[in-house]
Amino acid sequence: MGNIEPMFYSYLFLKKMKTFSLPLFFYLMVFFLGESLHAKTEKWSPDFLIIGAQKSGTSALYYYLQQHPLVVKKASETRFFDCNFSKGVGWYKAQYPERKSPKQLIGDKSPFYLFHPDVSQRVFSLYPKVKIIIILRNPVDRAYSHYWLTVRGGHETLSFEEALKAEYQRTKGLKEKVVHDLLDSAHTLRRYSYSQRGLYAEQIKPWLSLFPKEQILILSLNDLMANQKAVMEETFSFLGLEPIWSLQPYVNDHPYPPMNPETRKELVEYFRGPNQQLEELLGKKFNWDK
């Protein structure tokens, strides 16, 4: 019967109280149907999302987390909230194996979630209780690593310096288009947003405005590399998991040449203000101005 019985009894109650009116009845009907749909949505939910930033250790973090016996294994990114949202929750759920026990956690990792202008609202509308993990990297190093990823993918022929100069024209107006799930726009924006992806404060603010602070964990790649044990203990604790210590190392075998020192100086200056805004927003020092 679902929520039909509550609607029926509401109808009888209003008749008995002689306060029946069609507008009021329809209001109650919409309310109960909404509650029913919400309950159906809440039957399945990811437990945590690693939303970015790209080239900041999201793959390593997800790799470590999936070594825990209570985290469901999932190799590839679903990219549900950015490029596959129109396929619906049924499609999203089908991308994961079934939990072997109620204690198992399902996690989703996509580094475009942080940068996409509409994903925070999409996530909150479906899963307001999901836990959010963000891992950040010095935006200068992130931009350079992003550039070499695009080169390896065969999508970049310009030098790093030329690509930075071309970024504005390449990506102009694309943030507005990706909201409408235009995949060509999303691919172009993902590939060529070298400096924009490092403006972390403006990307994190929408998440902080929607989700309680206790549902958001913000990490640093520098900390993960310097003290993996402490960072993973913090992450496991955030997810309500007992920590494990025998983690297999994550191997990233994509070396690239060092950045031009002059280019680095220019980027350090470019990001100095945005980095300060980030530190003020989070109340946390990152020491990236070098």
Protein backbone atom coordinates (compact mmCIF):
# COMPACT_ATOMS: atom_id res chain seq x y z
CA MET A 1 0.00 0.00 0.00
CA GLY A 2 3.00 2.30 0.47
CA ASN A 3 1.82 5.81 1.36
CA ILE A 4 -1.74 5.37 0.07
CA GLU A 5 -3.08 4.51 3.55
CA PRO A 6 -1.82 7.74 5.20
CA MET A 7 -3.42 9.75 2.38
CA PHE A 8 -6.72 7.85 2.77
CA TYR A 9 -6.82 8.36 6.53
CA SER A 10 -5.99 12.04 6.07
CA TYR A 11 -8.99 12.28 3.75
CA LEU A 12 -11.30 10.61 6.35
CA PHE A 13 -9.92 12.81 9.13
CA LEU A 14 -10.55 16.00 7.19
CA LYS A 15 -14.10 14.88 6.33
CA LYS A 16 -14.83 14.05 9.95
CA MET A 17 -13.48 17.39 11.16
CA LYS A 18 -15.58 19.14 8.49
CA THR A 19 -12.50 20.96 7.26
CA PHE A 20 -12.19 19.08 4.01
CA SER A 21 -11.06 21.07 1.01
CA LEU A 22 -9.55 19.94 -2.25
CA PRO A 23 -6.49 22.27 -2.00
CA LEU A 24 -5.64 20.94 1.46
CA PHE A 25 -6.15 17.33 0.39
CA PHE A 26 -3.96 17.79 -2.67
CA TYR A 27 -1.29 19.39 -0.49
CA LEU A 28 -1.28 16.33 1.77
CA MET A 29 -1.21 14.02 -1.24
CA VAL A 30 1.84 15.78 -2.68
CA PHE A 31 3.52 15.70 0.74
CA PHE A 32 3.05 11.95 1.19
CA LEU A 33 4.08 11.16 -2.37
CA GLY A 34 7.20 13.27 -1.91
CA GLU A 35 8.03 11.43 1.28
CA SER A 36 7.56 8.12 -0.55
CA LEU A 37 9.88 9.12 -3.36
CA HIS A 38 12.44 10.38 -0.87
CA ALA A 39 12.31 7.08 1.01
CA LYS A 40 12.88 5.14 -2.22
CA THR A 41 15.88 7.29 -3.06
CA GLU A 42 17.33 6.80 0.43
CA LYS A 43 17.24 2.98 0.19
CA TRP A 44 20.53 3.07 -1.69
CA SER A 45 23.18 5.68 -1.24
CA PRO A 46 26.93 6.08 -1.59
CA ASP A 47 28.50 6.53 1.83
CA PHE A 48 31.28 8.87 0.74
CA LEU A 49 32.42 10.86 -2.27
CA ILE A 50 36.00 11.83 -3.12
CA ILE A 51 35.29 14.92 -5.21
CA GLY A 52 38.76 16.27 -6.04
CA ALA A 53 40.88 18.06 -6.70
CA GLN A 54 42.14 16.51 -9.91
CA LYS A 55 45.83 15.45 -9.89
CA SER A 56 45.91 15.94 -6.13
CA GLY A 57 46.00 12.34 -4.90
CA THR A 58 42.37 11.28 -5.35
CA SER A 59 43.37 7.99 -7.02
CA ALA A 60 45.91 7.18 -4.31
CA LEU A 61 43.44 7.96 -1.54
CA TYR A 62 40.71 5.84 -3.15
CA TYR A 63 43.22 3.02 -3.70
CA TYR A 64 44.15 3.03 0.00
CA LEU A 65 40.53 3.19 1.15
CA GLN A 66 39.50 0.24 -1.01
CA GLN A 67 42.06 -1.94 0.72
CA HIS A 68 39.83 -1.82 3.80
CA PRO A 69 37.64 -4.95 4.01
CA LEU A 70 34.56 -2.81 4.73
CA VAL A 71 34.87 -0.65 1.60
CA VAL A 72 33.22 -1.97 -1.58
CA LYS A 73 35.71 -2.36 -4.44
CA LYS A 74 35.12 -0.20 -7.52
CA ALA A 75 37.91 0.36 -10.03
CA SER A 76 36.58 2.92 -12.49
CA GLU A 77 34.92 6.30 -11.93
CA THR A 78 31.14 6.42 -12.38
CA ARG A 79 31.14 10.17 -13.16
CA PHE A 80 27.46 10.10 -12.31
CA PHE A 81 27.02 13.62 -10.93
CA ASP A 82 28.92 15.35 -13.74
CA CYS A 83 28.41 13.54 -17.06
CA ASN A 84 25.87 10.78 -16.35
CA PHE A 85 23.35 12.49 -14.08
CA SER A 86 20.53 12.25 -16.62
CA LYS A 87 20.77 8.42 -16.48
CA GLY A 88 19.23 8.39 -13.01
CA VAL A 89 19.89 6.78 -9.65
CA GLY A 90 19.04 3.30 -10.97
CA TRP A 91 21.96 3.53 -13.40
CA TYR A 92 24.22 4.88 -10.64
CA LYS A 93 23.41 2.01 -8.29
CA ALA A 94 23.99 -0.55 -11.06
CA GLN A 95 27.62 0.58 -11.37
CA TYR A 96 28.43 -0.95 -7.98
CA PRO A 97 28.45 -4.52 -6.68
CA GLU A 98 26.04 -5.31 -3.89
CA ARG A 99 27.20 -4.78 -0.32
CA LYS A 100 28.20 -8.11 1.24
CA SER A 101 27.16 -6.79 4.63
CA PRO A 102 25.27 -3.72 5.93
CA LYS A 103 28.53 -2.47 7.43
CA GLN A 104 30.23 -2.14 4.05
CA LEU A 105 30.68 1.36 2.64
CA ILE A 106 30.30 2.45 -0.97
CA GLY A 107 32.52 5.26 -2.17
CA ASP A 108 32.52 7.25 -5.38
CA LYS A 109 35.57 9.08 -6.73
CA SER A 110 35.54 11.68 -9.49
CA PRO A 111 37.87 14.70 -9.40
CA PHE A 112 35.61 16.70 -11.72
CA TYR A 113 32.89 16.80 -9.04
CA LEU A 114 34.65 19.62 -7.18
CA PHE A 115 35.04 21.82 -10.27
CA HIS A 116 31.66 21.19 -11.92
CA PRO A 117 29.37 24.15 -11.04
CA ASP A 118 26.22 22.11 -10.38
CA VAL A 119 27.44 18.91 -8.73
CA SER A 120 27.26 20.14 -5.12
CA GLN A 121 23.53 20.85 -5.49
CA ARG A 122 22.92 17.59 -7.34
CA VAL A 123 24.61 15.58 -4.59
CA PHE A 124 22.78 17.42 -1.81
CA SER A 125 19.39 17.00 -3.49
CA LEU A 126 19.81 13.20 -3.55
CA TYR A 127 22.15 12.36 -0.68
CA PRO A 128 22.28 15.13 1.96
CA LYS A 129 23.90 12.78 4.51
CA VAL A 130 26.77 11.55 2.31
CA LYS A 131 30.32 12.25 3.52
CA ILE A 132 32.53 14.41 1.33
CA ILE A 133 36.31 14.03 1.04
CA ILE A 134 38.46 16.67 -0.67
CA ILE A 135 42.21 16.33 -1.12
CA LEU A 136 44.20 19.36 -2.32
CA ARG A 137 47.64 19.94 -3.80
CA ASN A 138 49.79 23.00 -4.38
CA PRO A 139 47.89 24.50 -7.36
CA VAL A 140 51.16 25.20 -9.20
CA ASP A 141 52.14 21.52 -9.15
CA ARG A 142 48.55 20.47 -9.81
CA ALA A 143 48.38 22.59 -12.98
CA TYR A 144 51.65 21.17 -14.31
CA SER A 145 50.63 17.57 -13.58
CA HIS A 146 47.26 18.25 -15.23
CA TYR A 147 49.05 19.57 -18.31
CA TRP A 148 51.15 16.41 -18.69
CA LEU A 149 48.07 14.23 -18.23
CA THR A 150 46.50 16.05 -21.18
CA VAL A 151 49.69 15.65 -23.21
CA ARG A 152 49.77 11.90 -22.52
CA GLY A 153 46.14 11.66 -23.61
CA GLY A 154 47.02 13.16 -26.99
CA HIS A 155 44.90 16.30 -26.44
CA GLU A 156 47.65 18.88 -25.94
CA THR A 157 50.32 20.03 -28.42
CA LEU A 158 51.13 23.44 -26.95
CA SER A 159 53.92 24.07 -24.47
CA PHE A 160 52.86 24.51 -20.84
CA GLU A 161 53.37 28.27 -21.07
CA GLU A 162 51.39 28.49 -24.32
CA ALA A 163 48.63 26.32 -22.87
CA LEU A 164 48.28 28.63 -19.86
CA LYS A 165 47.93 31.63 -22.17
CA ALA A 166 45.34 29.82 -24.31
CA GLU A 167 43.30 28.56 -21.35
CA TYR A 168 40.88 31.48 -21.15
CA GLN A 169 39.84 31.32 -24.81
CA ARG A 170 39.68 27.53 -24.81
CA THR A 171 37.34 27.35 -21.83
CA LYS A 172 35.38 30.59 -22.15
CA GLY A 173 31.67 30.03 -21.44
CA LEU A 174 32.02 26.28 -20.89
CA LYS A 175 31.09 26.25 -17.20
CA GLU A 176 27.62 27.47 -18.13
CA LYS A 177 27.27 24.74 -20.75
CA VAL A 178 28.34 21.77 -18.60
CA VAL A 179 25.38 22.42 -16.28
CA HIS A 180 23.21 21.20 -19.16
CA ASP A 181 25.28 17.99 -19.48
CA LEU A 182 26.86 18.95 -22.80
CA LEU A 183 29.61 16.33 -22.89
CA ASP A 184 31.81 18.02 -25.49
CA SER A 185 31.91 21.11 -23.31
CA ALA A 186 32.68 19.01 -20.23
CA HIS A 187 35.55 17.22 -21.95
CA THR A 188 37.09 20.49 -23.16
CA LEU A 189 36.71 22.14 -19.76
CA ARG A 190 38.23 19.16 -17.97
CA ARG A 191 41.22 19.02 -20.28
CA TYR A 192 42.25 22.66 -20.48
CA SER A 193 41.32 24.23 -17.12
CA TYR A 194 44.92 24.14 -15.88
CA SER A 195 44.92 27.22 -13.65
CA GLN A 196 41.18 27.41 -12.94
CA ARG A 197 41.14 24.04 -11.20
CA GLY A 198 43.57 25.43 -8.63
CA LEU A 199 41.21 28.18 -7.43
CA TYR A 200 40.06 25.99 -4.59
CA ALA A 201 38.19 28.41 -2.34
CA GLU A 202 35.52 29.25 -4.91
CA GLN A 203 35.01 25.54 -5.62
CA ILE A 204 34.72 24.51 -1.97
CA LYS A 205 32.35 27.30 -0.86
CA PRO A 206 29.20 25.74 -2.43
CA TRP A 207 29.86 22.47 -0.60
CA LEU A 208 30.36 24.25 2.72
CA SER A 209 27.13 26.17 2.19
CA LEU A 210 25.13 22.95 1.73
CA PHE A 211 26.73 20.30 3.92
CA PRO A 212 27.52 20.44 7.65
CA LYS A 213 31.23 20.81 8.37
CA GLU A 214 31.30 17.44 10.13
CA GLN A 215 30.41 15.77 6.81
CA ILE A 216 33.37 17.26 4.96
CA LEU A 217 37.00 16.17 5.33
CA ILE A 218 39.69 18.25 3.64
CA LEU A 219 43.14 16.72 3.23
CA SER A 220 46.47 17.74 1.71
CA LEU A 221 48.51 15.64 -0.71
CA ASN A 222 51.69 16.92 0.97
CA ASP A 223 50.46 15.50 4.28
CA LEU A 224 49.49 12.19 2.67
CA MET A 225 52.95 11.83 1.15
CA ALA A 226 54.76 12.91 4.33
CA ASN A 227 52.71 10.90 6.82
CA GLN A 228 50.48 8.37 5.15
CA LYS A 229 49.67 6.62 8.42
CA ALA A 230 48.30 9.73 10.14
CA VAL A 231 46.26 10.90 7.14
CA MET A 232 44.73 7.49 6.53
CA GLU A 233 43.93 7.10 10.24
CA GLU A 234 42.11 10.44 10.07
CA THR A 235 40.26 9.35 6.92
CA PHE A 236 39.24 5.95 8.27
CA SER A 237 38.03 7.61 11.48
CA PHE A 238 36.01 10.15 9.47
CA LEU A 239 34.25 7.25 7.73
CA GLY A 240 33.65 5.39 10.99
CA LEU A 241 36.10 2.60 10.12
CA GLU A 242 38.78 0.95 12.21
CA PRO A 243 42.14 1.86 10.64
CA ILE A 244 44.31 -0.69 8.88
CA TRP A 245 48.07 -0.25 8.65
CA SER A 246 49.30 -2.79 6.09
CA LEU A 247 48.44 -0.75 3.00
CA GLN A 248 49.89 -1.65 -0.38
CA PRO A 249 51.75 1.35 -1.86
CA TYR A 250 50.20 3.34 -4.67
CA VAL A 251 52.48 3.55 -7.72
CA ASN A 252 52.30 6.48 -10.14
CA ASP A 253 54.68 5.75 -13.00
CA HIS A 254 54.16 8.86 -15.15
CA PRO A 255 57.30 11.00 -14.76
CA TYR A 256 57.62 14.34 -16.55
CA PRO A 257 60.36 16.99 -16.85
CA PRO A 258 60.70 19.77 -14.25
CA MET A 259 58.84 23.04 -14.70
CA ASN A 260 60.62 26.13 -16.00
CA PRO A 261 61.66 28.07 -12.84
CA GLU A 262 60.41 31.38 -14.26
CA THR A 263 57.04 29.87 -15.05
CA ARG A 264 56.87 28.53 -11.52
CA LYS A 265 57.57 31.97 -10.05
CA GLU A 266 54.77 33.49 -12.13
CA LEU A 267 52.31 30.82 -11.05
CA VAL A 268 53.26 31.15 -7.38
CA GLU A 269 52.40 34.85 -7.61
CA TYR A 270 49.19 34.14 -9.51
CA PHE A 271 47.96 31.73 -6.83
CA ARG A 272 49.17 33.72 -3.80
CA GLY A 273 45.85 35.56 -3.32
CA PRO A 274 43.60 32.55 -3.97
CA ASN A 275 45.71 30.42 -1.60
CA GLN A 276 45.27 33.02 1.11
CA GLN A 277 41.51 33.01 0.53
CA LEU A 278 41.51 29.22 0.88
CA GLU A 279 43.45 29.31 4.15
CA GLU A 280 41.07 31.92 5.56
CA LEU A 281 38.05 29.90 4.45
CA LEU A 282 39.27 26.67 6.03
CA GLY A 283 41.34 28.03 8.92
CA LYS A 284 44.20 25.85 7.75
CA LYS A 285 47.71 26.62 6.49
CA PHE A 286 49.02 24.89 3.37
CA ASN A 287 52.37 26.71 2.88
CA TRP A 288 52.19 26.62 -0.92
CA ASP A 289 53.72 30.02 -1.65
CA LYS A 290 57.04 28.69 -2.89
